[in-house]
Amino acid sequence: MFIRIFAPIKWLLALINNYFKSFVFLLILYLIFSSNVDEGSFERANLARIDIHGAIMEADKILGEIQKAKEDEDIKGVLLHVDSPGGALAPSVEISYAIKELQKSKPVVAYGAGTMASGSYYASIWSDKIYANPGAFIGSIGVIFQSYNVEDLAKKIGIKEQTIKAGRFKEAGTFMREWSEDERKSLKTLIDNSYDLFVNDVAKARDLNISDKEKFADARVFLAKNAQKEKLIDHVGILWNAQNELIKLSKVKKAKWKKKDKFDRFLEEFTNESAKGFIKIFYGLKAY
C-alpha cells in the first residue's frame, strides 16, 4: 500500500531527472529568442531602446547594450531614454563617445523623460535628434568638486590624522584640513580642464558657437522649451514623438521594438519597487 501511494511521486521524480536538461535547454532557447522577437509574432525586432536612468557611476552595462545594438544587423535604430541627474565624468564621456560611434552606423534619437542634465546630457549630445518632455530639466553643463573640512570636528573628538605621502599634490582634496593655495589652484585647473572638455564636445555635437558658452554652459538647468531656444535640444515633445522620429530616420516599414530580457526586466522592476519602498519609508520618518 505504501509503495503504491508513492509510485506516482517516484515516476514524477524519474521524469524530472531524465528530462530536466532538455527542459532547461528549451527554456534557455525560449528566453534567448523571445527577448528579440515581438510577442505574438516571429518577426525580428528592428528598433532598440537603451535606458540611462539614475546616477551615472559606471558605464559597463550601458556600453554593453550599445555594442549589442551596433552589432545587431536587424536593429535599424536606437532610442536613448534618459532620466538621470548625471554622475561621474569618465563614464559619462565613455557613453557619449560610444553613442557617437553608434550614430555613424544607425540613427539614434535621445529622449529626456524627466532629467537630462550634466553627465546624462553629455551622454546624449551625439544623437541625431534630441527630444525632451515639456516638463524635463535639461542642461547643467558644468563640473564640480566638493569636499568637507572636518578639521575642527576632528580636534573636538580627538581624532588626529597620520599621513605618509610621496608627491606634492597627493593630499590635495583632503577633508582633514583646509587646502593650501597651491592645492586649490591644482584642483581648479583639473576642474577647468574637465569643463573645457565638456563644453567643447557640446559645442561640436550641437553645432554651437563656443564663444556663447556663457549662455548655454554656465551650469544652469533649463526647462525643455528654454533648452530648445538655446539649441541644446531639437524638439519638445513626448515619448511618442521621439519614437516616431526614430521610425522615420531608420526607415523601417513596421516598427518592432526589441523586448528586454525577461530576467533583466524582472530584476529592474524588483529594484525599482524596492527603491520606491525605501524612499517611502525614509521620507515617512523625516520630521517636517
Foldseek 3Di string as FASTA:
>chain_A
DVCVVCVVVVVVVVVCVVCVVVVVVVVVVCLVQVLQAFPPDNDGAAEEEQEDAEEPPAAVVRLVVLVVLQPDPSHAEYEYEYDYAYYDLVNLQVLLVSVLVSCVRHAYEYEDEAECEASNLSNHLQGPFYEYAQQHKYYLLFDDDDEAACQVVCVVVVHDDDDDDDDDQPCQRPNNHDGDPVSVVVVVVVRVVSSCVRLVSNCVSQVHDSVCCVVGRPRDIDRRVVCVVVSSGPYYDHPVVRVVVRCVRSVDPDGGYRHHRPVVVVVVVVVVVVVVVVVCVVVVPDDD
